[in-house]
PDB file of all heavy atoms in Angstrom:
ATOM      1  N   GLN A   1       6.006  -5.493   0.558  1.00  0.00           N
ATOM      2  CA  GLN A   1       5.399  -4.233   1.001  1.00  0.00           C
ATOM      3  C   GLN A   1       4.328  -4.490   2.062  1.00  0.00           C
ATOM      4  O   GLN A   1       4.198  -3.716   3.008  1.00  0.00           O
ATOM      5  CB  GLN A   1       4.820  -3.450  -0.187  1.00  0.00           C
ATOM      6  CG  GLN A   1       4.302  -2.089   0.179  1.00  0.00           C
ATOM      7  CD  GLN A   1       5.370  -1.112   0.660  1.00  0.00           C
ATOM      8  OE1 GLN A   1       6.568  -1.423   0.656  1.00  0.00           O
ATOM      9  NE2 GLN A   1       4.956   0.071   1.075  1.00  0.00           N
ATOM     10  N   ALA A   2       3.604  -5.573   1.921  1.00  0.00           N
ATOM     11  CA  ALA A   2       2.608  -5.921   2.948  1.00  0.00           C
ATOM     12  C   ALA A   2       3.297  -6.183   4.289  1.00  0.00           C
ATOM     13  O   ALA A   2       2.787  -5.785   5.346  1.00  0.00           O
ATOM     14  CB  ALA A   2       1.791  -7.129   2.506  1.00  0.00           C
ATOM     15  N   GLU A   3       4.458  -6.821   4.269  1.00  0.00           N
ATOM     16  CA  GLU A   3       5.216  -7.050   5.508  1.00  0.00           C
ATOM     17  C   GLU A   3       5.631  -5.715   6.130  1.00  0.00           C
ATOM     18  O   GLU A   3       5.585  -5.552   7.350  1.00  0.00           O
ATOM     19  CB  GLU A   3       6.459  -7.890   5.222  1.00  0.00           C
ATOM     20  CG  GLU A   3       6.181  -9.312   4.844  1.00  0.00           C
ATOM     21  CD  GLU A   3       7.398 -10.054   4.298  1.00  0.00           C
ATOM     22  OE1 GLU A   3       8.453  -9.426   4.040  1.00  0.00           O
ATOM     23  OE2 GLU A   3       7.277 -11.280   4.122  1.00  0.00           O
ATOM     24  N   ARG A   4       6.042  -4.791   5.298  1.00  0.00           N
ATOM     25  CA  ARG A   4       6.459  -3.473   5.785  1.00  0.00           C
ATOM     26  C   ARG A   4       5.272  -2.735   6.414  1.00  0.00           C
ATOM     27  O   ARG A   4       5.395  -2.117   7.472  1.00  0.00           O
ATOM     28  CB  ARG A   4       7.082  -2.665   4.639  1.00  0.00           C
ATOM     29  CG  ARG A   4       8.425  -3.238   4.197  1.00  0.00           C
ATOM     30  CD  ARG A   4       8.919  -2.743   2.835  1.00  0.00           C
ATOM     31  NE  ARG A   4       8.826  -1.319   2.614  1.00  0.00           N
ATOM     32  CZ  ARG A   4       9.701  -0.405   3.056  1.00  0.00           C
ATOM     33  NH1 ARG A   4      10.757  -0.784   3.753  1.00  0.00           N
ATOM     34  NH2 ARG A   4       9.532   0.872   2.780  1.00  0.00           N
ATOM     35  N   ILE A   5       4.112  -2.821   5.772  1.00  0.00           N
ATOM     36  CA  ILE A   5       2.908  -2.195   6.322  1.00  0.00           C
ATOM     37  C   ILE A   5       2.534  -2.859   7.645  1.00  0.00           C
ATOM     38  O   ILE A   5       2.168  -2.178   8.614  1.00  0.00           O
ATOM     39  CB  ILE A   5       1.749  -2.251   5.300  1.00  0.00           C
ATOM     40  CG1 ILE A   5       2.050  -1.331   4.118  1.00  0.00           C
ATOM     41  CG2 ILE A   5       0.413  -1.895   5.961  1.00  0.00           C
ATOM     42  CD1 ILE A   5       1.142  -1.515   2.926  1.00  0.00           C
ATOM     43  N   ALA A   6       2.630  -4.171   7.699  1.00  0.00           N
ATOM     44  CA  ALA A   6       2.312  -4.892   8.950  1.00  0.00           C
ATOM     45  C   ALA A   6       3.233  -4.458  10.084  1.00  0.00           C
ATOM     46  O   ALA A   6       2.788  -4.318  11.228  1.00  0.00           O
ATOM     47  CB  ALA A   6       2.403  -6.401   8.720  1.00  0.00           C
ATOM     48  N   ALA A   7       4.508  -4.215   9.785  1.00  0.00           N
ATOM     49  CA  ALA A   7       5.446  -3.747  10.820  1.00  0.00           C
ATOM     50  C   ALA A   7       5.038  -2.374  11.332  1.00  0.00           C
ATOM     51  O   ALA A   7       5.104  -2.096  12.538  1.00  0.00           O
ATOM     52  CB  ALA A   7       6.871  -3.711  10.256  1.00  0.00           C
ATOM     53  N   ILE A   8       4.584  -1.521  10.431  1.00  0.00           N
ATOM     54  CA  ILE A   8       4.105  -0.190  10.839  1.00  0.00           C
ATOM     55  C   ILE A   8       2.842  -0.316  11.680  1.00  0.00           C
ATOM     56  O   ILE A   8       2.717   0.317  12.733  1.00  0.00           O
ATOM     57  CB  ILE A   8       3.863   0.703   9.599  1.00  0.00           C
ATOM     58  CG1 ILE A   8       5.191   1.037   8.928  1.00  0.00           C
ATOM     59  CG2 ILE A   8       3.100   1.970   9.984  1.00  0.00           C
ATOM     60  CD1 ILE A   8       5.048   1.698   7.573  1.00  0.00           C
ATOM     61  N   ARG A   9       1.906  -1.141  11.232  1.00  0.00           N
ATOM     62  CA  ARG A   9       0.642  -1.314  11.976  1.00  0.00           C
ATOM     63  C   ARG A   9       0.921  -1.858  13.359  1.00  0.00           C
ATOM     64  O   ARG A   9       0.334  -1.398  14.348  1.00  0.00           O
ATOM     65  CB  ARG A   9      -0.313  -2.234  11.197  1.00  0.00           C
ATOM     66  CG  ARG A   9      -1.620  -2.565  11.915  1.00  0.00           C
ATOM     67  CD  ARG A   9      -2.425  -1.362  12.371  1.00  0.00           C
ATOM     68  NE  ARG A   9      -2.881  -0.572  11.254  1.00  0.00           N
ATOM     69  CZ  ARG A   9      -3.149   0.736  11.314  1.00  0.00           C
ATOM     70  NH1 ARG A   9      -3.019   1.396  12.462  1.00  0.00           N
ATOM     71  NH2 ARG A   9      -3.542   1.403  10.259  1.00  0.00           N
ATOM     72  N   GLU A  10       1.796  -2.829  13.468  1.00  0.00           N
ATOM     73  CA  GLU A  10       2.118  -3.414  14.781  1.00  0.00           C
ATOM     74  C   GLU A  10       2.676  -2.349  15.720  1.00  0.00           C
ATOM     75  O   GLU A  10       2.276  -2.259  16.877  1.00  0.00           O
ATOM     76  CB  GLU A  10       3.125  -4.550  14.606  1.00  0.00           C
ATOM     77  CG  GLU A  10       3.477  -5.243  15.899  1.00  0.00           C
ATOM     78  CD  GLU A  10       4.476  -6.376  15.702  1.00  0.00           C
ATOM     79  OE1 GLU A  10       4.474  -7.006  14.626  1.00  0.00           O
ATOM     80  OE2 GLU A  10       5.264  -6.611  16.633  1.00  0.00           O
ATOM     81  N   THR A  11       3.561  -1.524  15.221  1.00  0.00           N
ATOM     82  CA  THR A  11       4.127  -0.446  16.034  1.00  0.00           C
ATOM     83  C   THR A  11       3.042   0.550  16.435  1.00  0.00           C
ATOM     84  O   THR A  11       2.965   0.965  17.590  1.00  0.00           O
ATOM     85  CB  THR A  11       5.245   0.275  15.252  1.00  0.00           C
ATOM     86  OG1 THR A  11       6.271  -0.675  14.966  1.00  0.00           O
ATOM     87  CG2 THR A  11       5.821   1.431  16.056  1.00  0.00           C
ATOM     88  N   ALA A  12       2.205   0.905  15.484  1.00  0.00           N
ATOM     89  CA  ALA A  12       1.151   1.890  15.756  1.00  0.00           C
ATOM     90  C   ALA A  12       0.151   1.374  16.785  1.00  0.00           C
ATOM     91  O   ALA A  12      -0.316   2.134  17.638  1.00  0.00           O
ATOM     92  CB  ALA A  12       0.439   2.268  14.455  1.00  0.00           C
ATOM     93  N   GLU A  13      -0.181   0.115  16.712  1.00  0.00           N
ATOM     94  CA  GLU A  13      -1.163  -0.462  17.632  1.00  0.00           C
ATOM     95  C   GLU A  13      -0.692  -0.406  19.084  1.00  0.00           C
ATOM     96  O   GLU A  13      -1.511  -0.390  19.996  1.00  0.00           O
ATOM     97  CB  GLU A  13      -1.497  -1.904  17.249  1.00  0.00           C
ATOM     98  CG  GLU A  13      -2.313  -2.029  15.976  1.00  0.00           C
ATOM     99  CD  GLU A  13      -3.680  -1.385  16.057  1.00  0.00           C
ATOM    100  OE1 GLU A  13      -4.357  -1.517  17.093  1.00  0.00           O
ATOM    101  OE2 GLU A  13      -4.084  -0.737  15.075  1.00  0.00           O
ATOM    102  N   LYS A  14       0.604  -0.345  19.284  1.00  0.00           N
ATOM    103  CA  LYS A  14       1.138  -0.273  20.642  1.00  0.00           C
ATOM    104  C   LYS A  14       0.856   1.080  21.297  1.00  0.00           C
ATOM    105  O   LYS A  14       0.834   1.176  22.516  1.00  0.00           O
ATOM    106  CB  LYS A  14       2.650  -0.528  20.637  1.00  0.00           C
ATOM    107  CG  LYS A  14       3.006  -1.944  20.269  1.00  0.00           C
ATOM    108  CD  LYS A  14       4.505  -2.123  20.152  1.00  0.00           C
ATOM    109  CE  LYS A  14       4.829  -3.522  19.656  1.00  0.00           C
ATOM    110  NZ  LYS A  14       6.261  -3.662  19.365  1.00  0.00           N
ATOM    111  N   SER A  15       0.645   2.104  20.467  1.00  0.00           N
ATOM    112  CA  SER A  15       0.433   3.426  21.070  1.00  0.00           C
ATOM    113  C   SER A  15      -0.794   4.166  20.541  1.00  0.00           C
ATOM    114  O   SER A  15      -1.274   5.069  21.196  1.00  0.00           O
ATOM    115  CB  SER A  15       1.674   4.300  20.859  1.00  0.00           C
ATOM    116  OG  SER A  15       1.860   4.556  19.490  1.00  0.00           O
ATOM    117  N   SER A  16      -1.296   3.806  19.377  1.00  0.00           N
ATOM    118  CA  SER A  16      -2.407   4.563  18.794  1.00  0.00           C
ATOM    119  C   SER A  16      -3.197   3.692  17.837  1.00  0.00           C
ATOM    120  O   SER A  16      -2.812   3.528  16.689  1.00  0.00           O
ATOM    121  CB  SER A  16      -1.864   5.795  18.052  1.00  0.00           C
ATOM    122  OG  SER A  16      -2.888   6.420  17.326  1.00  0.00           O
ATOM    123  N   ALA A  17      -4.292   3.149  18.312  1.00  0.00           N
ATOM    124  CA  ALA A  17      -5.099   2.260  17.476  1.00  0.00           C
ATOM    125  C   ALA A  17      -5.686   2.973  16.268  1.00  0.00           C
ATOM    126  O   ALA A  17      -6.018   2.351  15.277  1.00  0.00           O
ATOM    127  CB  ALA A  17      -6.218   1.635  18.301  1.00  0.00           C
ATOM    128  N   GLY A  18      -5.798   4.284  16.328  1.00  0.00           N
ATOM    129  CA  GLY A  18      -6.401   5.034  15.226  1.00  0.00           C
ATOM    130  C   GLY A  18      -5.415   5.540  14.198  1.00  0.00           C
ATOM    131  O   GLY A  18      -5.772   6.338  13.348  1.00  0.00           O
ATOM    132  N   PHE A  19      -4.177   5.084  14.213  1.00  0.00           N
ATOM    133  CA  PHE A  19      -3.152   5.559  13.282  1.00  0.00           C
ATOM    134  C   PHE A  19      -3.547   5.217  11.844  1.00  0.00           C
ATOM    135  O   PHE A  19      -3.905   4.088  11.534  1.00  0.00           O
ATOM    136  CB  PHE A  19      -1.813   4.914  13.637  1.00  0.00           C
ATOM    137  CG  PHE A  19      -0.625   5.513  12.952  1.00  0.00           C
ATOM    138  CD1 PHE A  19      -0.173   6.776  13.302  1.00  0.00           C
ATOM    139  CD2 PHE A  19       0.048   4.814  11.971  1.00  0.00           C
ATOM    140  CE1 PHE A  19       0.936   7.335  12.679  1.00  0.00           C
ATOM    141  CE2 PHE A  19       1.157   5.352  11.355  1.00  0.00           C
ATOM    142  CZ  PHE A  19       1.600   6.615  11.701  1.00  0.00           C
ATOM    143  N   PHE A  20      -3.474   6.222  10.953  1.00  0.00           N
ATOM    144  CA  PHE A  20      -3.910   6.060   9.566  1.00  0.00           C
ATOM    145  C   PHE A  20      -2.701   5.787   8.670  1.00  0.00           C
ATOM    146  O   PHE A  20      -1.800   6.605   8.559  1.00  0.00           O
ATOM    147  CB  PHE A  20      -4.621   7.330   9.080  1.00  0.00           C
ATOM    148  CG  PHE A  20      -5.351   7.148   7.781  1.00  0.00           C
ATOM    149  CD1 PHE A  20      -6.674   6.751   7.771  1.00  0.00           C
ATOM    150  CD2 PHE A  20      -4.714   7.377   6.562  1.00  0.00           C
ATOM    151  CE1 PHE A  20      -7.356   6.575   6.569  1.00  0.00           C
ATOM    152  CE2 PHE A  20      -5.383   7.210   5.371  1.00  0.00           C
ATOM    153  CZ  PHE A  20      -6.710   6.808   5.363  1.00  0.00           C
ATOM    154  N   ILE A  21      -2.696   4.626   8.032  1.00  0.00           N
ATOM    155  CA  ILE A  21      -1.648   4.275   7.068  1.00  0.00           C
ATOM    156  C   ILE A  21      -2.253   4.367   5.676  1.00  0.00           C
ATOM    157  O   ILE A  21      -3.069   3.530   5.286  1.00  0.00           O
ATOM    158  CB  ILE A  21      -1.093   2.859   7.309  1.00  0.00           C
ATOM    159  CG1 ILE A  21      -0.549   2.718   8.734  1.00  0.00           C
ATOM    160  CG2 ILE A  21      -0.022   2.524   6.265  1.00  0.00           C
ATOM    161  CD1 ILE A  21      -0.214   1.286   9.128  1.00  0.00           C
ATOM    162  N   ASN A  22      -1.870   5.399   4.953  1.00  0.00           N
ATOM    163  CA  ASN A  22      -2.333   5.587   3.583  1.00  0.00           C
ATOM    164  C   ASN A  22      -1.315   4.894   2.672  1.00  0.00           C
ATOM    165  O   ASN A  22      -0.261   5.438   2.368  1.00  0.00           O
ATOM    166  CB  ASN A  22      -2.438   7.082   3.259  1.00  0.00           C
ATOM    167  CG  ASN A  22      -3.311   7.354   2.069  1.00  0.00           C
ATOM    168  OD1 ASN A  22      -4.197   6.580   1.733  1.00  0.00           O
ATOM    169  ND2 ASN A  22      -3.062   8.478   1.424  1.00  0.00           N
ATOM    170  N   ALA A  23      -1.627   3.664   2.286  1.00  0.00           N
ATOM    171  CA  ALA A  23      -0.709   2.844   1.496  1.00  0.00           C
ATOM    172  C   ALA A  23      -0.713   3.339   0.054  1.00  0.00           C
ATOM    173  O   ALA A  23      -1.707   3.231  -0.652  1.00  0.00           O
ATOM    174  CB  ALA A  23      -1.119   1.380   1.567  1.00  0.00           C
ATOM    175  N   ARG A  24       0.413   3.882  -0.352  1.00  0.00           N
ATOM    176  CA  ARG A  24       0.542   4.467  -1.684  1.00  0.00           C
ATOM    177  C   ARG A  24       1.188   3.467  -2.629  1.00  0.00           C
ATOM    178  O   ARG A  24       2.222   2.894  -2.319  1.00  0.00           O
ATOM    179  CB  ARG A  24       1.412   5.721  -1.593  1.00  0.00           C
ATOM    180  CG  ARG A  24       1.794   6.311  -2.919  1.00  0.00           C
ATOM    181  CD  ARG A  24       2.606   7.564  -2.734  1.00  0.00           C
ATOM    182  NE  ARG A  24       3.435   7.808  -3.903  1.00  0.00           N
ATOM    183  CZ  ARG A  24       4.021   8.965  -4.161  1.00  0.00           C
ATOM    184  NH1 ARG A  24       3.883   9.984  -3.334  1.00  0.00           N
ATOM    185  NH2 ARG A  24       4.758   9.106  -5.232  1.00  0.00           N
ATOM    186  N   THR A  25       0.556   3.270  -3.779  1.00  0.00           N
ATOM    187  CA  THR A  25       1.201   2.495  -4.829  1.00  0.00           C
ATOM    188  C   THR A  25       1.615   3.433  -5.951  1.00  0.00           C
ATOM    189  O   THR A  25       0.843   4.288  -6.370  1.00  0.00           O
ATOM    190  CB  THR A  25       0.329   1.363  -5.382  1.00  0.00           C
ATOM    191  OG1 THR A  25       1.127   0.611  -6.308  1.00  0.00           O
ATOM    192  CG2 THR A  25      -0.930   1.862  -6.074  1.00  0.00           C
ATOM    193  N   ASP A  26       2.835   3.254  -6.406  1.00  0.00           N
ATOM    194  CA  ASP A  26       3.338   4.064  -7.507  1.00  0.00           C
ATOM    195  C   ASP A  26       3.259   3.329  -8.840  1.00  0.00           C
ATOM    196  O   ASP A  26       3.982   3.651  -9.778  1.00  0.00           O
ATOM    197  CB  ASP A  26       4.768   4.524  -7.213  1.00  0.00           C
ATOM    198  CG  ASP A  26       4.810   5.720  -6.282  1.00  0.00           C
ATOM    199  OD1 ASP A  26       3.743   6.268  -5.960  1.00  0.00           O
ATOM    200  OD2 ASP A  26       5.915   6.112  -5.867  1.00  0.00           O
ATOM    201  N   LEU A  27       2.349   2.379  -8.942  1.00  0.00           N
ATOM    202  CA  LEU A  27       2.142   1.680 -10.214  1.00  0.00           C
ATOM    203  C   LEU A  27       1.850   2.651 -11.356  1.00  0.00           C
ATOM    204  O   LEU A  27       2.218   2.389 -12.497  1.00  0.00           O
ATOM    205  CB  LEU A  27       0.956   0.714 -10.102  1.00  0.00           C
ATOM    206  CG  LEU A  27       1.208  -0.631  -9.470  1.00  0.00           C
ATOM    207  CD1 LEU A  27      -0.115  -1.352  -9.223  1.00  0.00           C
ATOM    208  CD2 LEU A  27       2.129  -1.466 -10.340  1.00  0.00           C
ATOM    209  N   PHE A  28       1.177   3.748 -11.051  1.00  0.00           N
ATOM    210  CA  PHE A  28       0.715   4.673 -12.094  1.00  0.00           C
ATOM    211  C   PHE A  28       1.565   5.937 -12.182  1.00  0.00           C
ATOM    212  O   PHE A  28       1.238   6.852 -12.927  1.00  0.00           O
ATOM    213  CB  PHE A  28      -0.746   5.057 -11.815  1.00  0.00           C
ATOM    214  CG  PHE A  28      -1.637   3.861 -11.636  1.00  0.00           C
ATOM    215  CD1 PHE A  28      -2.105   3.501 -10.384  1.00  0.00           C
ATOM    216  CD2 PHE A  28      -1.985   3.077 -12.721  1.00  0.00           C
ATOM    217  CE1 PHE A  28      -2.914   2.396 -10.216  1.00  0.00           C
ATOM    218  CE2 PHE A  28      -2.789   1.958 -12.563  1.00  0.00           C
ATOM    219  CZ  PHE A  28      -3.260   1.617 -11.304  1.00  0.00           C
ATOM    220  N   LEU A  29       2.644   5.998 -11.435  1.00  0.00           N
ATOM    221  CA  LEU A  29       3.439   7.220 -11.356  1.00  0.00           C
ATOM    222  C   LEU A  29       4.910   6.911 -11.633  1.00  0.00           C
ATOM    223  O   LEU A  29       5.590   6.303 -10.805  1.00  0.00           O
ATOM    224  CB  LEU A  29       3.292   7.854  -9.966  1.00  0.00           C
ATOM    225  CG  LEU A  29       3.866   9.246  -9.766  1.00  0.00           C
ATOM    226  CD1 LEU A  29       3.138  10.262 -10.635  1.00  0.00           C
ATOM    227  CD2 LEU A  29       3.754   9.655  -8.307  1.00  0.00           C
ATOM    228  N   GLY A  30       5.364   7.292 -12.812  1.00  0.00           N
ATOM    229  CA  GLY A  30       6.773   7.175 -13.142  1.00  0.00           C
ATOM    230  C   GLY A  30       7.285   5.769 -13.399  1.00  0.00           C
ATOM    231  O   GLY A  30       8.495   5.559 -13.420  1.00  0.00           O
ATOM    232  N   GLN A  31       6.417   4.812 -13.577  1.00  0.00           N
ATOM    233  CA  GLN A  31       6.861   3.441 -13.813  1.00  0.00           C
ATOM    234  C   GLN A  31       6.831   3.065 -15.293  1.00  0.00           C
ATOM    235  O   GLN A  31       7.287   1.991 -15.666  1.00  0.00           O
ATOM    236  CB  GLN A  31       6.009   2.455 -13.004  1.00  0.00           C
ATOM    237  CG  GLN A  31       6.074   2.658 -11.510  1.00  0.00           C
ATOM    238  CD  GLN A  31       7.469   2.502 -10.960  1.00  0.00           C
ATOM    239  OE1 GLN A  31       8.183   1.566 -11.273  1.00  0.00           O
ATOM    240  NE2 GLN A  31       7.884   3.469 -10.141  1.00  0.00           N
ATOM    241  N   GLY A  32       6.229   3.923 -16.126  1.00  0.00           N
ATOM    242  CA  GLY A  32       6.164   3.640 -17.558  1.00  0.00           C
ATOM    243  C   GLY A  32       5.247   2.484 -17.911  1.00  0.00           C
ATOM    244  O   GLY A  32       5.387   1.867 -18.958  1.00  0.00           O
ATOM    245  N   ARG A  33       4.313   2.190 -17.056  1.00  0.00           N
ATOM    246  CA  ARG A  33       3.385   1.077 -17.285  1.00  0.00           C
ATOM    247  C   ARG A  33       2.094   1.579 -17.920  1.00  0.00           C
ATOM    248  O   ARG A  33       1.695   2.715 -17.717  1.00  0.00           O
ATOM    249  CB  ARG A  33       3.026   0.396 -15.967  1.00  0.00           C
ATOM    250  CG  ARG A  33       4.199  -0.201 -15.238  1.00  0.00           C
ATOM    251  CD  ARG A  33       3.733  -0.759 -13.908  1.00  0.00           C
ATOM    252  NE  ARG A  33       4.840  -1.287 -13.144  1.00  0.00           N
ATOM    253  CZ  ARG A  33       4.758  -2.375 -12.398  1.00  0.00           C
ATOM    254  NH1 ARG A  33       3.627  -3.040 -12.316  1.00  0.00           N
ATOM    255  NH2 ARG A  33       5.806  -2.798 -11.738  1.00  0.00           N
ATOM    256  N   ASP A  34       1.416   0.714 -18.614  1.00  0.00           N
ATOM    257  CA  ASP A  34       0.097   1.017 -19.141  1.00  0.00           C
ATOM    258  C   ASP A  34      -0.891   0.951 -17.973  1.00  0.00           C
ATOM    259  O   ASP A  34      -0.987  -0.080 -17.293  1.00  0.00           O
ATOM    260  CB  ASP A  34      -0.283   0.002 -20.226  1.00  0.00           C
ATOM    261  CG  ASP A  34      -1.679   0.231 -20.758  1.00  0.00           C
ATOM    262  OD1 ASP A  34      -1.855   1.164 -21.564  1.00  0.00           O
ATOM    263  OD2 ASP A  34      -2.598  -0.505 -20.335  1.00  0.00           O
ATOM    264  N   ALA A  35      -1.585   2.044 -17.741  1.00  0.00           N
ATOM    265  CA  ALA A  35      -2.483   2.123 -16.577  1.00  0.00           C
ATOM    266  C   ALA A  35      -3.553   1.036 -16.609  1.00  0.00           C
ATOM    267  O   ALA A  35      -3.809   0.382 -15.594  1.00  0.00           O
ATOM    268  CB  ALA A  35      -3.112   3.508 -16.489  1.00  0.00           C
ATOM    269  N   ALA A  36      -4.181   0.838 -17.753  1.00  0.00           N
ATOM    270  CA  ALA A  36      -5.256  -0.158 -17.838  1.00  0.00           C
ATOM    271  C   ALA A  36      -4.735  -1.559 -17.539  1.00  0.00           C
ATOM    272  O   ALA A  36      -5.432  -2.364 -16.912  1.00  0.00           O
ATOM    273  CB  ALA A  36      -5.914  -0.105 -19.213  1.00  0.00           C
ATOM    274  N   GLN A  37      -3.510  -1.850 -17.957  1.00  0.00           N
ATOM    275  CA  GLN A  37      -2.923  -3.169 -17.717  1.00  0.00           C
ATOM    276  C   GLN A  37      -2.486  -3.348 -16.270  1.00  0.00           C
ATOM    277  O   GLN A  37      -2.207  -4.466 -15.838  1.00  0.00           O
ATOM    278  CB  GLN A  37      -1.732  -3.386 -18.656  1.00  0.00           C
ATOM    279  CG  GLN A  37      -2.104  -3.399 -20.125  1.00  0.00           C
ATOM    280  CD  GLN A  37      -3.027  -4.554 -20.469  1.00  0.00           C
ATOM    281  OE1 GLN A  37      -2.828  -5.678 -20.020  1.00  0.00           O
ATOM    282  NE2 GLN A  37      -4.052  -4.267 -21.246  1.00  0.00           N
ATOM    283  N   SER A  38      -2.406  -2.264 -15.514  1.00  0.00           N
ATOM    284  CA  SER A  38      -1.930  -2.322 -14.131  1.00  0.00           C
ATOM    285  C   SER A  38      -3.057  -2.369 -13.102  1.00  0.00           C
ATOM    286  O   SER A  38      -2.782  -2.482 -11.905  1.00  0.00           O
ATOM    287  CB  SER A  38      -1.038  -1.102 -13.849  1.00  0.00           C
ATOM    288  OG  SER A  38       0.113  -1.147 -14.666  1.00  0.00           O
ATOM    289  N   ILE A  39      -4.306  -2.291 -13.537  1.00  0.00           N
ATOM    290  CA  ILE A  39      -5.438  -2.273 -12.596  1.00  0.00           C
ATOM    291  C   ILE A  39      -5.492  -3.544 -11.759  1.00  0.00           C
ATOM    292  O   ILE A  39      -5.694  -3.496 -10.543  1.00  0.00           O
ATOM    293  CB  ILE A  39      -6.773  -2.032 -13.333  1.00  0.00           C
ATOM    294  CG1 ILE A  39      -6.780  -0.639 -13.976  1.00  0.00           C
ATOM    295  CG2 ILE A  39      -7.964  -2.220 -12.398  1.00  0.00           C
ATOM    296  CD1 ILE A  39      -6.678   0.509 -12.998  1.00  0.00           C
ATOM    297  N   GLY A  40      -5.312  -4.701 -12.381  1.00  0.00           N
ATOM    298  CA  GLY A  40      -5.346  -5.963 -11.634  1.00  0.00           C
ATOM    299  C   GLY A  40      -4.302  -6.005 -10.542  1.00  0.00           C
ATOM    300  O   GLY A  40      -4.592  -6.380  -9.400  1.00  0.00           O
ATOM    301  N   GLU A  41      -3.079  -5.600 -10.875  1.00  0.00           N
ATOM    302  CA  GLU A  41      -2.025  -5.585  -9.860  1.00  0.00           C
ATOM    303  C   GLU A  41      -2.342  -4.565  -8.772  1.00  0.00           C
ATOM    304  O   GLU A  41      -2.091  -4.813  -7.591  1.00  0.00           O
ATOM    305  CB  GLU A  41      -0.654  -5.284 -10.478  1.00  0.00           C
ATOM    306  CG  GLU A  41       0.443  -5.319  -9.428  1.00  0.00           C
ATOM    307  CD  GLU A  41       1.841  -5.071  -9.973  1.00  0.00           C
ATOM    308  OE1 GLU A  41       2.054  -5.148 -11.187  1.00  0.00           O
ATOM    309  OE2 GLU A  41       2.723  -4.797  -9.133  1.00  0.00           O
ATOM    310  N   ALA A  42      -2.889  -3.430  -9.159  1.00  0.00           N
ATOM    311  CA  ALA A  42      -3.248  -2.411  -8.165  1.00  0.00           C
ATOM    312  C   ALA A  42      -4.270  -2.973  -7.178  1.00  0.00           C
ATOM    313  O   ALA A  42      -4.143  -2.770  -5.966  1.00  0.00           O
ATOM    314  CB  ALA A  42      -3.790  -1.158  -8.844  1.00  0.00           C
ATOM    315  N   LEU A  43      -5.262  -3.676  -7.681  1.00  0.00           N
ATOM    316  CA  LEU A  43      -6.278  -4.245  -6.790  1.00  0.00           C
ATOM    317  C   LEU A  43      -5.691  -5.351  -5.909  1.00  0.00           C
ATOM    318  O   LEU A  43      -6.069  -5.479  -4.745  1.00  0.00           O
ATOM    319  CB  LEU A  43      -7.476  -4.746  -7.600  1.00  0.00           C
ATOM    320  CG  LEU A  43      -8.289  -3.629  -8.254  1.00  0.00           C
ATOM    321  CD1 LEU A  43      -9.342  -4.206  -9.200  1.00  0.00           C
ATOM    322  CD2 LEU A  43      -8.923  -2.726  -7.205  1.00  0.00           C
ATOM    323  N   ASP A  44      -4.738  -6.122  -6.456  1.00  0.00           N
ATOM    324  CA  ASP A  44      -4.043  -7.123  -5.634  1.00  0.00           C
ATOM    325  C   ASP A  44      -3.268  -6.435  -4.517  1.00  0.00           C
ATOM    326  O   ASP A  44      -3.261  -6.890  -3.369  1.00  0.00           O
ATOM    327  CB  ASP A  44      -3.073  -7.944  -6.485  1.00  0.00           C
ATOM    328  CG  ASP A  44      -3.772  -8.893  -7.447  1.00  0.00           C
ATOM    329  OD1 ASP A  44      -4.989  -9.142  -7.297  1.00  0.00           O
ATOM    330  OD2 ASP A  44      -3.084  -9.376  -8.382  1.00  0.00           O
ATOM    331  N   ARG A  45      -2.613  -5.324  -4.851  1.00  0.00           N
ATOM    332  CA  ARG A  45      -1.877  -4.570  -3.841  1.00  0.00           C
ATOM    333  C   ARG A  45      -2.839  -4.001  -2.788  1.00  0.00           C
ATOM    334  O   ARG A  45      -2.560  -4.070  -1.590  1.00  0.00           O
ATOM    335  CB  ARG A  45      -1.050  -3.454  -4.491  1.00  0.00           C
ATOM    336  CG  ARG A  45       0.178  -3.967  -5.218  1.00  0.00           C
ATOM    337  CD  ARG A  45       0.993  -2.862  -5.878  1.00  0.00           C
ATOM    338  NE  ARG A  45       2.157  -3.417  -6.544  1.00  0.00           N
ATOM    339  CZ  ARG A  45       3.345  -3.625  -5.973  1.00  0.00           C
ATOM    340  NH1 ARG A  45       3.545  -3.275  -4.708  1.00  0.00           N
ATOM    341  NH2 ARG A  45       4.348  -4.150  -6.648  1.00  0.00           N
ATOM    342  N   ALA A  46      -3.959  -3.466  -3.227  1.00  0.00           N
ATOM    343  CA  ALA A  46      -4.929  -2.904  -2.278  1.00  0.00           C
ATOM    344  C   ALA A  46      -5.381  -3.966  -1.276  1.00  0.00           C
ATOM    345  O   ALA A  46      -5.454  -3.702  -0.072  1.00  0.00           O
ATOM    346  CB  ALA A  46      -6.125  -2.323  -3.020  1.00  0.00           C
ATOM    347  N   LYS A  47      -5.674  -5.161  -1.770  1.00  0.00           N
ATOM    348  CA  LYS A  47      -6.119  -6.237  -0.872  1.00  0.00           C
ATOM    349  C   LYS A  47      -5.002  -6.639   0.094  1.00  0.00           C
ATOM    350  O   LYS A  47      -5.241  -6.764   1.299  1.00  0.00           O
ATOM    351  CB  LYS A  47      -6.584  -7.456  -1.666  1.00  0.00           C
ATOM    352  CG  LYS A  47      -7.003  -8.590  -0.733  1.00  0.00           C
ATOM    353  CD  LYS A  47      -7.785  -9.656  -1.388  1.00  0.00           C
ATOM    354  CE  LYS A  47      -8.262 -10.746  -0.468  1.00  0.00           C
ATOM    355  NZ  LYS A  47      -7.834 -10.786   0.895  1.00  0.00           N
TER     356      LYS A  47
END
């Protein structure tokens, strides 16, 4: 997913340095995971 975001950022930088990429994680939505147990992974994804 980080590679996919980087591809978007690279494209955006060619025409609009201010392009906003709101990176959404669905760790807490429809995955059936325990939210408290997913915080560490969420923070790893954010970084």
